[in-house]
Structures are given as C-alpha cells and as structure tokens.
Amino acid sequence: MEIKIFEQVCWGGSKLAPIVDEALTKLDLDYDFDIIGDIPSIANAGIMNPPALMINGKIKTSGKIPSINEVLEAIKEEI
C-alpha cells in the first residue's frame, strides 16, 4: 500500500502523520508513508488544498485534518 501525506510542515510538525500512524497501528498494519511538503510536488499530485491524504494514488481527504475514523475508513477501503 502506498500512502502519501501532502502538507507543508511548519514549526509544529506534521498534523496528519500522527493520525495516519495511529490508524495503521490500530489496524495492525506495518506500512511506511511519505510526507510531501514542497509546493511543486503537492501541485503536481493534483492537490489544490492541503493537507491531503493519498492512498494507492487516490486522494482520500483534502483541505482538512481528518479524524482518526476517517483515516481508518480510507485505509480499510484500500486493503
């Protein structure tokens, strides 16, 4: 499974990564994910409103920090 997080990481660090990590742990899955933060890469991926979560090339959430339940459902859809 390919998981990508698109967000500009600022002083507070990534907001989405801990949620994705928690969801993977709850599902007992051992997948790595990439955090992409540079504007050209975000735009090239078709993300207009970060933060966004992409799984297996599909944008699952965009424009907000999703809840843990939203991330769990997005991952389950791609298993």
N, C-alpha and C. Protein backbone atom coordinates (compact mmCIF):
# COMPACT_ATOMS: atom_id res chain seq x y z
N MET A 1 0.85 -1.17 0.00
CA MET A 1 0.00 0.00 0.00
C MET A 1 0.89 1.23 0.00
N GLU A 2 0.58 2.16 -0.86
CA GLU A 2 1.34 3.40 -0.95
C GLU A 2 0.54 4.52 -0.29
N ILE A 3 1.10 5.10 0.75
CA ILE A 3 0.43 6.17 1.49
C ILE A 3 1.29 7.43 1.41
N LYS A 4 0.64 8.52 1.00
CA LYS A 4 1.34 9.81 0.92
C LYS A 4 0.53 10.87 1.65
N ILE A 5 1.24 11.67 2.41
CA ILE A 5 0.65 12.80 3.11
C ILE A 5 1.19 14.05 2.45
N PHE A 6 0.30 14.93 2.03
CA PHE A 6 0.70 16.19 1.42
C PHE A 6 0.35 17.32 2.37
N GLU A 7 1.35 17.94 2.93
CA GLU A 7 1.13 19.10 3.79
C GLU A 7 2.44 19.84 3.97
N GLN A 8 2.33 21.13 4.10
CA GLN A 8 3.51 21.94 4.39
C GLN A 8 3.74 21.86 5.89
N VAL A 9 4.81 21.20 6.27
CA VAL A 9 5.13 21.01 7.68
C VAL A 9 5.75 22.29 8.21
N CYS A 10 5.15 22.81 9.27
CA CYS A 10 5.64 24.05 9.86
C CYS A 10 6.29 23.75 11.21
N TRP A 11 6.45 24.76 12.00
CA TRP A 11 7.13 24.61 13.29
C TRP A 11 6.50 23.55 14.17
N GLY A 12 5.21 23.40 14.09
CA GLY A 12 4.52 22.42 14.94
C GLY A 12 4.64 21.00 14.44
N GLY A 13 5.25 20.80 13.29
CA GLY A 13 5.39 19.46 12.73
C GLY A 13 4.14 19.05 11.97
N SER A 14 4.17 17.84 11.48
CA SER A 14 3.05 17.31 10.71
C SER A 14 1.85 17.08 11.62
N LYS A 15 0.70 17.48 11.17
CA LYS A 15 -0.54 17.26 11.92
C LYS A 15 -1.22 15.95 11.50
N LEU A 16 -1.03 15.57 10.25
CA LEU A 16 -1.70 14.39 9.71
C LEU A 16 -0.94 13.10 9.96
N ALA A 17 0.38 13.16 9.97
CA ALA A 17 1.20 11.96 10.15
C ALA A 17 0.87 11.18 11.42
N PRO A 18 0.71 11.82 12.58
CA PRO A 18 0.39 11.04 13.78
C PRO A 18 -0.96 10.33 13.70
N ILE A 19 -1.91 10.93 12.98
CA ILE A 19 -3.22 10.30 12.82
C ILE A 19 -3.11 9.07 11.93
N VAL A 20 -2.36 9.19 10.84
CA VAL A 20 -2.15 8.05 9.94
C VAL A 20 -1.40 6.95 10.68
N ASP A 21 -0.39 7.32 11.43
CA ASP A 21 0.38 6.35 12.20
C ASP A 21 -0.51 5.61 13.21
N GLU A 22 -1.36 6.35 13.90
CA GLU A 22 -2.27 5.74 14.87
C GLU A 22 -3.25 4.78 14.18
N ALA A 23 -3.76 5.17 13.02
CA ALA A 23 -4.69 4.31 12.28
C ALA A 23 -4.00 3.02 11.84
N LEU A 24 -2.78 3.13 11.34
CA LEU A 24 -2.04 1.93 10.93
C LEU A 24 -1.80 1.01 12.13
N THR A 25 -1.48 1.58 13.28
CA THR A 25 -1.26 0.80 14.49
C THR A 25 -2.55 0.10 14.91
N LYS A 26 -3.67 0.82 14.90
CA LYS A 26 -4.95 0.23 15.29
C LYS A 26 -5.35 -0.93 14.38
N LEU A 27 -4.97 -0.83 13.11
CA LEU A 27 -5.29 -1.88 12.15
C LEU A 27 -4.22 -2.97 12.10
N ASP A 28 -3.19 -2.81 12.93
CA ASP A 28 -2.07 -3.75 12.98
C ASP A 28 -1.41 -3.92 11.62
N LEU A 29 -1.19 -2.79 10.95
CA LEU A 29 -0.54 -2.77 9.64
C LEU A 29 0.82 -2.11 9.76
N ASP A 30 1.76 -2.63 9.01
CA ASP A 30 3.12 -2.09 9.05
C ASP A 30 3.49 -1.50 7.68
N TYR A 31 2.98 -0.31 7.42
CA TYR A 31 3.28 0.39 6.18
C TYR A 31 3.98 1.70 6.51
N ASP A 32 4.91 2.07 5.66
CA ASP A 32 5.54 3.38 5.76
C ASP A 32 4.70 4.36 4.94
N PHE A 33 4.88 5.63 5.21
CA PHE A 33 4.22 6.65 4.41
C PHE A 33 5.19 7.79 4.17
N ASP A 34 4.98 8.49 3.09
CA ASP A 34 5.81 9.63 2.72
C ASP A 34 5.07 10.92 3.06
N ILE A 35 5.83 11.90 3.53
CA ILE A 35 5.29 13.23 3.75
C ILE A 35 5.89 14.14 2.69
N ILE A 36 5.03 14.68 1.85
CA ILE A 36 5.46 15.56 0.78
C ILE A 36 5.03 16.98 1.13
N GLY A 37 6.00 17.88 1.20
CA GLY A 37 5.70 19.21 1.68
C GLY A 37 6.05 20.34 0.74
N ASP A 38 6.71 20.04 -0.38
CA ASP A 38 7.08 21.14 -1.27
C ASP A 38 5.93 21.43 -2.23
N ILE A 39 5.71 22.70 -2.45
CA ILE A 39 4.55 23.17 -3.21
C ILE A 39 4.50 22.58 -4.63
N PRO A 40 5.60 22.52 -5.38
CA PRO A 40 5.50 21.94 -6.73
C PRO A 40 5.04 20.47 -6.72
N SER A 41 5.53 19.67 -5.77
CA SER A 41 5.12 18.27 -5.70
C SER A 41 3.66 18.14 -5.30
N ILE A 42 3.21 19.00 -4.39
CA ILE A 42 1.81 18.99 -3.99
C ILE A 42 0.93 19.32 -5.19
N ALA A 43 1.29 20.35 -5.94
CA ALA A 43 0.51 20.75 -7.12
C ALA A 43 0.54 19.67 -8.19
N ASN A 44 1.70 19.06 -8.42
CA ASN A 44 1.82 18.02 -9.44
C ASN A 44 0.96 16.80 -9.12
N ALA A 45 0.68 16.58 -7.84
CA ALA A 45 -0.16 15.45 -7.43
C ALA A 45 -1.65 15.78 -7.57
N GLY A 46 -1.95 17.01 -7.98
CA GLY A 46 -3.34 17.41 -8.15
C GLY A 46 -4.01 17.86 -6.86
N ILE A 47 -3.21 18.13 -5.85
CA ILE A 47 -3.74 18.59 -4.57
C ILE A 47 -3.88 20.10 -4.64
N MET A 48 -5.10 20.58 -4.51
CA MET A 48 -5.34 22.02 -4.57
C MET A 48 -5.42 22.63 -3.18
N ASN A 49 -5.74 21.82 -2.18
CA ASN A 49 -5.97 22.35 -0.85
C ASN A 49 -5.41 21.40 0.20
N PRO A 50 -4.09 21.48 0.48
CA PRO A 50 -3.53 20.61 1.51
C PRO A 50 -4.01 21.04 2.89
N PRO A 51 -3.94 20.19 3.87
CA PRO A 51 -3.34 18.87 3.86
C PRO A 51 -4.22 17.86 3.13
N ALA A 52 -3.58 16.81 2.63
CA ALA A 52 -4.31 15.78 1.91
C ALA A 52 -3.67 14.42 2.19
N LEU A 53 -4.51 13.41 2.10
CA LEU A 53 -4.07 12.03 2.27
C LEU A 53 -4.35 11.30 0.98
N MET A 54 -3.32 10.66 0.43
CA MET A 54 -3.45 9.87 -0.79
C MET A 54 -3.05 8.44 -0.47
N ILE A 55 -3.90 7.50 -0.86
CA ILE A 55 -3.60 6.08 -0.67
C ILE A 55 -3.76 5.39 -2.01
N ASN A 56 -2.70 4.70 -2.42
CA ASN A 56 -2.69 3.98 -3.70
C ASN A 56 -3.10 4.89 -4.86
N GLY A 57 -2.62 6.12 -4.83
CA GLY A 57 -2.87 7.05 -5.92
C GLY A 57 -4.22 7.74 -5.90
N LYS A 58 -5.03 7.47 -4.86
CA LYS A 58 -6.35 8.08 -4.76
C LYS A 58 -6.37 9.09 -3.62
N ILE A 59 -6.85 10.29 -3.90
CA ILE A 59 -6.97 11.31 -2.86
C ILE A 59 -8.15 10.94 -1.97
N LYS A 60 -7.86 10.69 -0.70
CA LYS A 60 -8.89 10.26 0.24
C LYS A 60 -9.45 11.43 1.04
N THR A 61 -8.62 12.36 1.41
CA THR A 61 -9.07 13.57 2.10
C THR A 61 -8.24 14.74 1.61
N SER A 62 -8.84 15.92 1.64
CA SER A 62 -8.11 17.11 1.22
C SER A 62 -8.74 18.33 1.87
N GLY A 63 -7.89 19.28 2.26
CA GLY A 63 -8.37 20.54 2.78
C GLY A 63 -8.66 20.59 4.26
N LYS A 64 -8.39 19.48 4.95
CA LYS A 64 -8.64 19.44 6.39
C LYS A 64 -7.82 18.33 7.02
N ILE A 65 -7.72 18.38 8.33
CA ILE A 65 -7.12 17.28 9.07
C ILE A 65 -8.25 16.31 9.38
N PRO A 66 -8.22 15.11 8.81
CA PRO A 66 -9.31 14.17 9.03
C PRO A 66 -9.27 13.56 10.43
N SER A 67 -10.39 13.05 10.85
CA SER A 67 -10.45 12.36 12.14
C SER A 67 -9.79 10.99 11.99
N ILE A 68 -9.50 10.37 13.12
CA ILE A 68 -8.93 9.03 13.09
C ILE A 68 -9.89 8.07 12.39
N ASN A 69 -11.18 8.22 12.61
CA ASN A 69 -12.15 7.33 11.97
C ASN A 69 -12.17 7.48 10.46
N GLU A 70 -12.02 8.71 9.97
CA GLU A 70 -11.95 8.93 8.53
C GLU A 70 -10.72 8.26 7.93
N VAL A 71 -9.60 8.35 8.62
CA VAL A 71 -8.37 7.72 8.13
C VAL A 71 -8.49 6.20 8.19
N LEU A 72 -9.06 5.68 9.26
CA LEU A 72 -9.27 4.23 9.37
C LEU A 72 -10.11 3.73 8.19
N GLU A 73 -11.19 4.42 7.88
CA GLU A 73 -12.06 4.01 6.78
C GLU A 73 -11.33 4.11 5.44
N ALA A 74 -10.55 5.16 5.25
CA ALA A 74 -9.81 5.33 3.99
C ALA A 74 -8.82 4.20 3.79
N ILE A 75 -8.14 3.80 4.87
CA ILE A 75 -7.18 2.70 4.77
C ILE A 75 -7.91 1.39 4.51
N LYS A 76 -8.99 1.14 5.23
CA LYS A 76 -9.75 -0.11 5.05
C LYS A 76 -10.26 -0.26 3.62
N GLU A 77 -10.64 0.84 2.99
CA GLU A 77 -11.12 0.80 1.60
C GLU A 77 -10.03 0.30 0.66
N GLU A 78 -8.77 0.50 1.02
CA GLU A 78 -7.66 0.16 0.12
C GLU A 78 -6.96 -1.15 0.47
N ILE A 79 -7.41 -1.79 1.53
CA ILE A 79 -6.77 -3.07 1.91
C ILE A 79 -7.26 -4.17 0.99
